[in-house]
Amino acid sequence: MIKVIIAVDENQKTVQTNFKDMTILELADELGIHKNTIGAVLVDGVPKKLHEKIRDNTEIYVLPILSGG
């Protein structure tokens, strides 16, 4: 089971999904998250790249692009 916390817009939501052998980007696509809205991804608190494979029993945070100055 994968727990995904999605915070790419003003409404944070949590989704649980069954594990599949895929990358973080493939999971985001499956969940309807466009890659241009993703600023960072943390897997169990560790920053990861979109091309990296996910593992079972993980918690994934999908964070928005941050801006400011």
N, C-alpha and C. Protein backbone atom coordinates (compact mmCIF):
# COMPACT_ATOMS: atom_id res chain seq x y z
N MET A 1 0.84 -1.17 0.00
CA MET A 1 0.00 0.00 0.00
C MET A 1 0.89 1.24 0.00
N ILE A 2 0.52 2.21 -0.79
CA ILE A 2 1.24 3.47 -0.91
C ILE A 2 0.31 4.57 -0.40
N LYS A 3 0.82 5.42 0.47
CA LYS A 3 0.08 6.59 0.93
C LYS A 3 0.67 7.80 0.23
N VAL A 4 -0.18 8.55 -0.47
CA VAL A 4 0.28 9.72 -1.22
C VAL A 4 -0.42 10.96 -0.67
N ILE A 5 0.37 11.91 -0.20
CA ILE A 5 -0.15 13.19 0.26
C ILE A 5 0.12 14.20 -0.84
N ILE A 6 -0.95 14.74 -1.40
CA ILE A 6 -0.84 15.63 -2.55
C ILE A 6 -1.13 17.06 -2.09
N ALA A 7 -0.15 17.93 -2.25
CA ALA A 7 -0.31 19.33 -1.83
C ALA A 7 0.14 20.26 -2.94
N VAL A 8 -0.30 20.00 -4.17
CA VAL A 8 0.14 20.82 -5.30
C VAL A 8 -0.79 22.00 -5.56
N ASP A 9 -1.90 22.08 -4.86
CA ASP A 9 -2.77 23.25 -4.96
C ASP A 9 -3.23 23.63 -3.56
N GLU A 10 -4.21 24.49 -3.46
CA GLU A 10 -4.65 24.96 -2.14
C GLU A 10 -5.35 23.89 -1.31
N ASN A 11 -5.74 22.80 -1.91
CA ASN A 11 -6.43 21.73 -1.20
C ASN A 11 -5.53 20.50 -1.09
N GLN A 12 -5.02 20.25 0.10
CA GLN A 12 -4.20 19.05 0.31
C GLN A 12 -5.13 17.86 0.43
N LYS A 13 -4.76 16.74 -0.18
CA LYS A 13 -5.55 15.52 -0.03
C LYS A 13 -4.62 14.33 0.12
N THR A 14 -5.15 13.29 0.74
CA THR A 14 -4.39 12.06 0.95
C THR A 14 -5.09 10.94 0.22
N VAL A 15 -4.30 10.15 -0.51
CA VAL A 15 -4.81 9.03 -1.28
C VAL A 15 -4.02 7.79 -0.90
N GLN A 16 -4.71 6.67 -0.75
CA GLN A 16 -4.01 5.40 -0.56
C GLN A 16 -4.27 4.55 -1.79
N THR A 17 -3.22 3.93 -2.29
CA THR A 17 -3.35 3.12 -3.50
C THR A 17 -2.51 1.86 -3.35
N ASN A 18 -2.90 0.84 -4.08
CA ASN A 18 -2.13 -0.41 -4.05
C ASN A 18 -0.79 -0.22 -4.75
N PHE A 19 0.20 -0.91 -4.27
CA PHE A 19 1.54 -0.84 -4.84
C PHE A 19 1.55 -1.42 -6.24
N LYS A 20 2.24 -0.73 -7.15
CA LYS A 20 2.52 -1.21 -8.50
C LYS A 20 3.97 -0.87 -8.80
N ASP A 21 4.61 -1.67 -9.63
CA ASP A 21 5.99 -1.42 -10.03
C ASP A 21 6.00 -0.27 -11.03
N MET A 22 6.27 0.94 -10.54
CA MET A 22 6.26 2.12 -11.40
C MET A 22 7.13 3.21 -10.79
N THR A 23 7.35 4.26 -11.59
CA THR A 23 8.12 5.40 -11.11
C THR A 23 7.18 6.39 -10.41
N ILE A 24 7.77 7.35 -9.75
CA ILE A 24 6.99 8.40 -9.10
C ILE A 24 6.19 9.17 -10.15
N LEU A 25 6.79 9.47 -11.29
CA LEU A 25 6.09 10.19 -12.35
C LEU A 25 4.91 9.38 -12.88
N GLU A 26 5.08 8.08 -13.07
CA GLU A 26 3.97 7.24 -13.53
C GLU A 26 2.83 7.23 -12.51
N LEU A 27 3.17 7.20 -11.23
CA LEU A 27 2.15 7.26 -10.19
C LEU A 27 1.42 8.60 -10.24
N ALA A 28 2.17 9.69 -10.39
CA ALA A 28 1.56 11.02 -10.47
C ALA A 28 0.61 11.09 -11.66
N ASP A 29 1.02 10.58 -12.81
CA ASP A 29 0.15 10.56 -13.99
C ASP A 29 -1.12 9.77 -13.71
N GLU A 30 -0.98 8.63 -13.06
CA GLU A 30 -2.13 7.79 -12.74
C GLU A 30 -3.11 8.51 -11.81
N LEU A 31 -2.58 9.36 -10.94
CA LEU A 31 -3.42 10.10 -10.00
C LEU A 31 -3.90 11.44 -10.56
N GLY A 32 -3.54 11.74 -11.81
CA GLY A 32 -3.99 12.97 -12.45
C GLY A 32 -3.22 14.21 -12.04
N ILE A 33 -1.98 14.02 -11.59
CA ILE A 33 -1.14 15.15 -11.19
C ILE A 33 -0.19 15.46 -12.34
N HIS A 34 -0.31 16.65 -12.91
CA HIS A 34 0.55 17.03 -14.03
C HIS A 34 1.95 17.34 -13.52
N LYS A 35 2.96 16.84 -14.20
CA LYS A 35 4.34 16.99 -13.72
C LYS A 35 4.78 18.45 -13.62
N ASN A 36 4.16 19.34 -14.39
CA ASN A 36 4.52 20.76 -14.33
C ASN A 36 4.05 21.43 -13.05
N THR A 37 3.21 20.75 -12.26
CA THR A 37 2.74 21.32 -10.99
C THR A 37 3.54 20.79 -9.81
N ILE A 38 4.45 19.85 -10.05
CA ILE A 38 5.22 19.22 -8.98
C ILE A 38 6.53 19.97 -8.78
N GLY A 39 6.73 20.46 -7.56
CA GLY A 39 7.98 21.13 -7.24
C GLY A 39 8.99 20.21 -6.60
N ALA A 40 8.50 19.29 -5.77
CA ALA A 40 9.37 18.34 -5.08
C ALA A 40 8.56 17.13 -4.66
N VAL A 41 9.27 16.03 -4.47
CA VAL A 41 8.65 14.79 -3.98
C VAL A 41 9.52 14.26 -2.85
N LEU A 42 8.87 13.94 -1.75
CA LEU A 42 9.55 13.30 -0.62
C LEU A 42 8.99 11.91 -0.45
N VAL A 43 9.85 10.92 -0.36
CA VAL A 43 9.44 9.54 -0.10
C VAL A 43 9.98 9.17 1.27
N ASP A 44 9.05 8.96 2.19
CA ASP A 44 9.42 8.71 3.59
C ASP A 44 10.37 9.80 4.11
N GLY A 45 10.09 11.05 3.70
CA GLY A 45 10.86 12.20 4.17
C GLY A 45 12.14 12.49 3.42
N VAL A 46 12.47 11.69 2.42
CA VAL A 46 13.72 11.85 1.67
C VAL A 46 13.40 12.38 0.26
N PRO A 47 14.05 13.46 -0.18
CA PRO A 47 13.81 13.98 -1.53
C PRO A 47 14.14 12.92 -2.60
N LYS A 48 13.26 12.81 -3.59
CA LYS A 48 13.45 11.85 -4.68
C LYS A 48 13.18 12.53 -6.01
N LYS A 49 13.71 11.94 -7.07
CA LYS A 49 13.49 12.40 -8.44
C LYS A 49 12.27 11.68 -9.02
N LEU A 50 11.62 12.31 -10.00
CA LEU A 50 10.40 11.74 -10.59
C LEU A 50 10.65 10.42 -11.30
N HIS A 51 11.86 10.18 -11.79
CA HIS A 51 12.15 8.94 -12.53
C HIS A 51 12.44 7.75 -11.62
N GLU A 52 12.52 7.98 -10.30
CA GLU A 52 12.86 6.90 -9.38
C GLU A 52 11.66 5.99 -9.14
N LYS A 53 11.95 4.71 -8.93
CA LYS A 53 10.91 3.71 -8.67
C LYS A 53 10.38 3.86 -7.25
N ILE A 54 9.09 3.56 -7.08
CA ILE A 54 8.51 3.57 -5.74
C ILE A 54 8.61 2.17 -5.15
N ARG A 55 8.54 2.13 -3.82
CA ARG A 55 8.55 0.85 -3.10
C ARG A 55 7.23 0.71 -2.36
N ASP A 56 6.90 -0.50 -2.01
CA ASP A 56 5.69 -0.76 -1.25
C ASP A 56 5.85 -0.21 0.17
N ASN A 57 4.73 0.08 0.80
CA ASN A 57 4.68 0.56 2.19
C ASN A 57 5.47 1.85 2.39
N THR A 58 5.27 2.79 1.47
CA THR A 58 5.93 4.09 1.59
C THR A 58 4.90 5.20 1.67
N GLU A 59 5.37 6.35 2.13
CA GLU A 59 4.55 7.55 2.20
C GLU A 59 5.20 8.58 1.28
N ILE A 60 4.43 9.06 0.32
CA ILE A 60 4.95 9.97 -0.69
C ILE A 60 4.26 11.33 -0.55
N TYR A 61 5.05 12.38 -0.40
CA TYR A 61 4.54 13.75 -0.37
C TYR A 61 4.83 14.39 -1.72
N VAL A 62 3.79 14.89 -2.37
CA VAL A 62 3.94 15.60 -3.63
C VAL A 62 3.71 17.08 -3.32
N LEU A 63 4.76 17.88 -3.47
CA LEU A 63 4.73 19.28 -3.07
C LEU A 63 4.71 20.21 -4.28
N PRO A 64 4.14 21.41 -4.11
CA PRO A 64 4.02 22.34 -5.23
C PRO A 64 5.34 23.04 -5.54
N ILE A 65 5.35 23.70 -6.68
CA ILE A 65 6.46 24.58 -7.03
C ILE A 65 6.37 25.81 -6.14
N LEU A 66 7.48 26.18 -5.54
CA LEU A 66 7.50 27.35 -4.66
C LEU A 66 8.13 28.51 -5.40
N SER A 67 7.61 29.69 -5.12
CA SER A 67 8.20 30.89 -5.72
C SER A 67 8.22 32.00 -4.68
N GLY A 68 8.97 32.96 -4.96
CA GLY A 68 9.07 34.08 -4.03
C GLY A 68 10.38 34.80 -4.25
N GLY A 69 10.63 35.73 -3.40
CA GLY A 69 11.87 36.45 -3.61
C GLY A 69 12.36 37.14 -2.38
